[in-house]
Amino acid sequence: MRRRLSASGPLLALGALPALAGPAPDFVDAGRAVAGLVVEMRYAGADNFLGRPVAGYEAPVCLLARPAARALAQAQAALARAGYGLKVFDCYRPARAVADFVRWARDPRDQAAKAEYYPDVDKGDLFRLGYVAARSGHSRGATVDLTLVDVQTGREVAMGTPFDRFDPRSGAGAAISPEARANRERLAAAMRRAGFAGYAREWWHFSLRNEPYPATTFDVPVRAP
């Protein structure tokens, strides 16, 4: 999501990248482009670790660069054959949203969502531990945060931790139930076959390996097409 300060993680310490006025012309609404995709854009509402809508999310729309949307459709189709589907929590993320995360992390008074999202982490340690950083791969339009759902019931399957839990159990090698372990592996395998790479500290985070804009940060708000 936003946490690591290395070039292999979802957040990059790259210095100044160009923040453009709008997304590339081939950004698409993945909710329309990917058959059966469930869209629950957490940062467009209050059900997230800030406890409020995040700057830059003006509509609950999953925007992605076209190659990423095509790859996501491949993963969705493969999972559907086994009775599963994908639910996305975040897709393209404007640079202004990342800046909003940083402002929140620097405000020690705002602890409203601690019990749900970071119960065992001191908010003052979020930068040092790599949970918040100034740049995100989501701002390039080819990264998604997602989970699995059971197609018949529409319910999320067990993953060991909720989405966006700041906790070592959200990462690879964590002590979780066999059911949750199998579900994480099922999700990761489908995403790998579709061309995405996972992130060891967050079971929900995947980036297209051959992303079309590897050196560009976008900052247009998320709006309905």
Protein backbone atom coordinates (compact mmCIF):
# COMPACT_ATOMS: atom_id res chain seq x y z
CA MET A 1 0.00 0.00 0.00
CA ARG A 2 2.27 2.82 1.17
CA ARG A 3 4.81 1.35 3.44
CA ARG A 4 8.25 0.47 2.25
CA LEU A 5 11.13 2.80 1.43
CA SER A 6 12.89 0.53 -1.04
CA ALA A 7 12.64 0.32 -4.81
CA SER A 8 11.15 -3.19 -4.57
CA GLY A 9 8.31 -2.21 -2.24
CA PRO A 10 5.13 -0.31 -2.89
CA LEU A 11 6.49 3.02 -1.70
CA LEU A 12 9.51 4.50 -3.32
CA ALA A 13 12.08 6.94 -1.98
CA LEU A 14 12.81 8.28 -5.46
CA GLY A 15 13.17 11.99 -4.97
CA ALA A 16 11.14 14.36 -7.11
CA LEU A 17 9.11 12.66 -9.83
CA PRO A 18 6.92 14.68 -12.17
CA ALA A 19 3.37 15.09 -10.85
CA LEU A 20 1.25 15.55 -13.93
CA ALA A 21 -2.01 17.46 -14.26
CA GLY A 22 -4.01 14.39 -15.23
CA PRO A 23 -3.82 10.65 -15.71
CA ALA A 24 -2.69 9.09 -18.95
CA PRO A 25 -5.38 8.84 -21.63
CA ASP A 26 -5.58 5.07 -21.25
CA PHE A 27 -6.59 5.03 -17.57
CA VAL A 28 -9.83 3.05 -17.39
CA ASP A 29 -12.54 2.28 -14.86
CA ALA A 30 -11.65 -1.28 -13.84
CA GLY A 31 -15.06 -1.71 -12.23
CA ARG A 32 -16.51 -1.60 -15.74
CA ALA A 33 -13.62 -3.20 -17.60
CA VAL A 34 -13.22 -6.29 -15.38
CA ALA A 35 -16.28 -8.54 -15.37
CA GLY A 36 -17.47 -9.40 -11.87
CA LEU A 37 -14.94 -7.21 -10.06
CA VAL A 38 -16.19 -6.03 -6.66
CA VAL A 39 -15.19 -2.44 -5.93
CA GLU A 40 -14.96 -1.13 -2.36
CA MET A 41 -12.75 1.92 -2.54
CA ARG A 42 -11.95 2.41 1.14
CA TYR A 43 -10.24 5.78 0.84
CA ALA A 44 -13.29 7.36 -0.79
CA GLY A 45 -15.21 6.88 2.46
CA ALA A 46 -14.60 6.73 6.20
CA ASP A 47 -13.80 3.00 6.56
CA ASN A 48 -10.02 3.37 6.54
CA PHE A 49 -7.14 4.12 8.90
CA LEU A 50 -7.73 7.87 8.68
CA GLY A 51 -11.40 7.41 9.59
CA ARG A 52 -12.50 9.86 6.87
CA PRO A 53 -12.40 10.33 3.09
CA VAL A 54 -8.84 10.83 1.86
CA ALA A 55 -7.83 13.85 -0.21
CA GLY A 56 -8.14 13.23 -3.93
CA TYR A 57 -10.85 10.55 -3.77
CA GLU A 58 -13.94 12.28 -5.16
CA ALA A 59 -15.68 9.06 -6.24
CA PRO A 60 -15.38 5.35 -5.32
CA VAL A 61 -13.90 4.42 -8.69
CA CYS A 62 -11.07 1.96 -9.40
CA LEU A 63 -8.96 3.66 -12.06
CA LEU A 64 -6.05 1.73 -13.58
CA ALA A 65 -3.74 2.03 -16.54
CA ARG A 66 -5.19 -0.09 -19.33
CA PRO A 67 -2.50 -2.83 -19.20
CA ALA A 68 -3.09 -3.24 -15.47
CA ALA A 69 -6.85 -3.52 -15.98
CA ARG A 70 -6.31 -6.18 -18.67
CA ALA A 71 -4.04 -8.15 -16.35
CA LEU A 72 -6.53 -7.86 -13.50
CA ALA A 73 -9.23 -9.25 -15.80
CA GLN A 74 -7.01 -12.28 -16.46
CA ALA A 75 -6.64 -12.94 -12.74
CA GLN A 76 -10.37 -12.48 -12.19
CA ALA A 77 -11.25 -14.95 -14.96
CA ALA A 78 -8.84 -17.58 -13.63
CA LEU A 79 -10.17 -17.28 -10.08
CA ALA A 80 -13.79 -17.44 -11.24
CA ARG A 81 -13.21 -20.96 -12.56
CA ALA A 82 -12.50 -22.02 -8.97
CA GLY A 83 -15.45 -20.13 -7.48
CA TYR A 84 -13.58 -17.03 -6.35
CA GLY A 85 -13.51 -13.39 -7.36
CA LEU A 86 -11.59 -10.22 -6.61
CA LYS A 87 -12.57 -7.26 -4.46
CA VAL A 88 -10.44 -4.13 -4.82
CA PHE A 89 -9.89 -1.70 -1.95
CA ASP A 90 -7.59 0.74 -3.74
CA CYS A 91 -6.31 1.24 -7.28
CA TYR A 92 -4.87 4.46 -8.71
CA ARG A 93 -4.06 6.82 -5.83
CA PRO A 94 -3.37 10.52 -6.47
CA ALA A 95 -0.18 12.01 -5.06
CA ARG A 96 -2.31 14.36 -2.95
CA ALA A 97 -3.77 11.32 -1.18
CA VAL A 98 -0.29 10.09 -0.30
CA ALA A 99 0.46 13.55 1.10
CA ASP A 100 -2.72 13.29 3.17
CA PHE A 101 -1.45 10.03 4.66
CA VAL A 102 1.80 11.75 5.60
CA ARG A 103 0.02 14.67 7.28
CA TRP A 104 -2.13 12.23 9.25
CA ALA A 105 0.88 10.21 10.37
CA ARG A 106 2.58 13.37 11.67
CA ASP A 107 -0.41 14.34 13.82
CA PRO A 108 -0.09 12.51 17.18
CA ARG A 109 -3.50 13.78 18.31
CA ASP A 110 -5.45 11.82 15.68
CA GLN A 111 -5.71 8.27 17.06
CA ALA A 112 -9.34 7.59 16.15
CA ALA A 113 -8.68 4.43 14.13
CA LYS A 114 -5.87 2.96 16.25
CA ALA A 115 -7.87 0.08 17.75
CA GLU A 116 -8.86 -1.23 14.33
CA TYR A 117 -5.84 -0.53 12.14
CA TYR A 118 -2.70 -0.26 14.29
CA PRO A 119 -3.51 -1.54 17.81
CA ASP A 120 0.02 -2.74 18.55
CA VAL A 121 2.01 0.04 16.86
CA ASP A 122 2.77 3.48 18.26
CA LYS A 123 1.69 6.06 15.70
CA GLY A 124 4.94 7.93 16.26
CA ASP A 125 6.80 4.89 14.88
CA LEU A 126 4.93 4.63 11.59
CA PHE A 127 7.62 6.38 9.54
CA ARG A 128 10.50 4.57 11.25
CA LEU A 129 8.85 1.20 10.71
CA GLY A 130 8.13 1.97 7.07
CA TYR A 131 4.35 1.96 7.33
CA VAL A 132 4.01 5.48 5.88
CA ALA A 133 6.17 7.13 3.24
CA ALA A 134 6.01 10.08 0.89
CA ARG A 135 5.51 8.24 -2.41
CA SER A 136 3.39 5.31 -3.54
CA GLY A 137 3.44 3.00 -6.53
CA HIS A 138 -0.35 3.38 -6.60
CA SER A 139 0.17 6.86 -8.03
CA ARG A 140 1.48 5.32 -11.26
CA GLY A 141 -1.81 3.56 -12.00
CA ALA A 142 -0.67 -0.06 -12.06
CA THR A 143 -0.92 -1.13 -8.41
CA VAL A 144 -3.94 -2.59 -6.63
CA ASP A 145 -4.92 -3.51 -3.08
CA LEU A 146 -7.40 -6.37 -3.10
CA THR A 147 -8.72 -9.58 -1.58
CA LEU A 148 -10.70 -12.68 -2.52
CA VAL A 149 -14.43 -13.18 -2.28
CA ASP A 150 -16.53 -16.33 -2.53
CA VAL A 151 -18.53 -15.89 -5.75
CA GLN A 152 -21.60 -17.69 -4.41
CA THR A 153 -21.90 -15.74 -1.16
CA GLY A 154 -20.10 -12.52 -2.12
CA ARG A 155 -18.26 -12.62 1.20
CA GLU A 156 -14.57 -12.01 1.71
CA VAL A 157 -12.60 -15.11 2.57
CA ALA A 158 -10.26 -15.41 5.57
CA MET A 159 -6.87 -13.79 5.02
CA GLY A 160 -5.46 -13.78 8.53
CA THR A 161 -5.72 -10.00 9.00
CA PRO A 162 -8.02 -7.32 7.63
CA PHE A 163 -6.92 -5.07 4.79
CA ASP A 164 -4.59 -2.27 5.92
CA ARG A 165 -3.73 -3.75 9.31
CA PHE A 166 -0.34 -2.35 10.39
CA ASP A 167 0.93 -5.61 11.80
CA PRO A 168 3.61 -8.24 11.04
CA ARG A 169 0.80 -10.79 10.62
CA SER A 170 -0.15 -9.00 7.41
CA GLY A 171 3.14 -10.08 5.85
CA ALA A 172 4.67 -13.22 4.44
CA GLY A 173 5.60 -15.97 6.88
CA ALA A 174 3.12 -14.83 9.52
CA ALA A 175 1.50 -17.31 11.88
CA ILE A 176 -2.05 -17.50 10.50
CA SER A 177 -4.60 -20.26 10.07
CA PRO A 178 -4.16 -22.90 7.34
CA GLU A 179 -7.32 -21.58 5.66
CA ALA A 180 -5.99 -18.03 5.57
CA ARG A 181 -2.59 -19.25 4.36
CA ALA A 182 -4.23 -21.16 1.49
CA ASN A 183 -6.32 -18.13 0.53
CA ARG A 184 -3.30 -15.85 0.48
CA GLU A 185 -1.46 -18.32 -1.71
CA ARG A 186 -4.45 -18.66 -4.05
CA LEU A 187 -4.65 -14.89 -4.49
CA ALA A 188 -0.91 -14.47 -4.95
CA ALA A 189 -0.69 -17.29 -7.49
CA ALA A 190 -3.49 -15.86 -9.63
CA MET A 191 -1.96 -12.40 -9.56
CA ARG A 192 1.53 -13.70 -10.41
CA ARG A 193 0.21 -15.62 -13.41
CA ALA A 194 -1.49 -12.43 -14.61
CA GLY A 195 1.77 -10.47 -14.44
CA PHE A 196 1.67 -8.87 -11.00
CA ALA A 197 4.29 -8.95 -8.26
CA GLY A 198 3.30 -9.08 -4.60
CA TYR A 199 4.73 -7.31 -1.59
CA ALA A 200 6.05 -9.39 1.29
CA ARG A 201 4.71 -7.12 4.05
CA GLU A 202 1.15 -6.81 2.73
CA TRP A 203 -0.84 -9.78 1.45
CA TRP A 204 -3.24 -7.46 -0.42
CA HIS A 205 -0.75 -5.38 -2.44
CA PHE A 206 0.19 -6.18 -6.06
CA SER A 207 1.93 -4.17 -8.78
CA LEU A 208 2.05 -4.92 -12.48
CA ARG A 209 5.61 -6.01 -13.25
CA ASN A 210 5.67 -4.42 -16.69
CA GLU A 211 3.92 -1.21 -15.66
CA PRO A 212 3.51 1.43 -18.36
CA TYR A 213 4.56 4.49 -16.29
CA PRO A 214 7.38 3.35 -13.99
CA ALA A 215 8.83 6.85 -13.52
CA THR A 216 5.70 9.01 -13.41
CA THR A 217 3.57 10.12 -10.49
CA PHE A 218 0.02 11.25 -11.26
CA ASP A 219 -2.05 13.60 -9.13
CA VAL A 220 -5.45 14.01 -10.80
CA PRO A 221 -8.30 13.29 -8.33
CA VAL A 222 -10.21 10.04 -8.59
CA ARG A 223 -13.48 10.97 -10.29
CA ALA A 224 -16.29 9.10 -11.97
CA PRO A 225 -15.70 8.78 -15.74
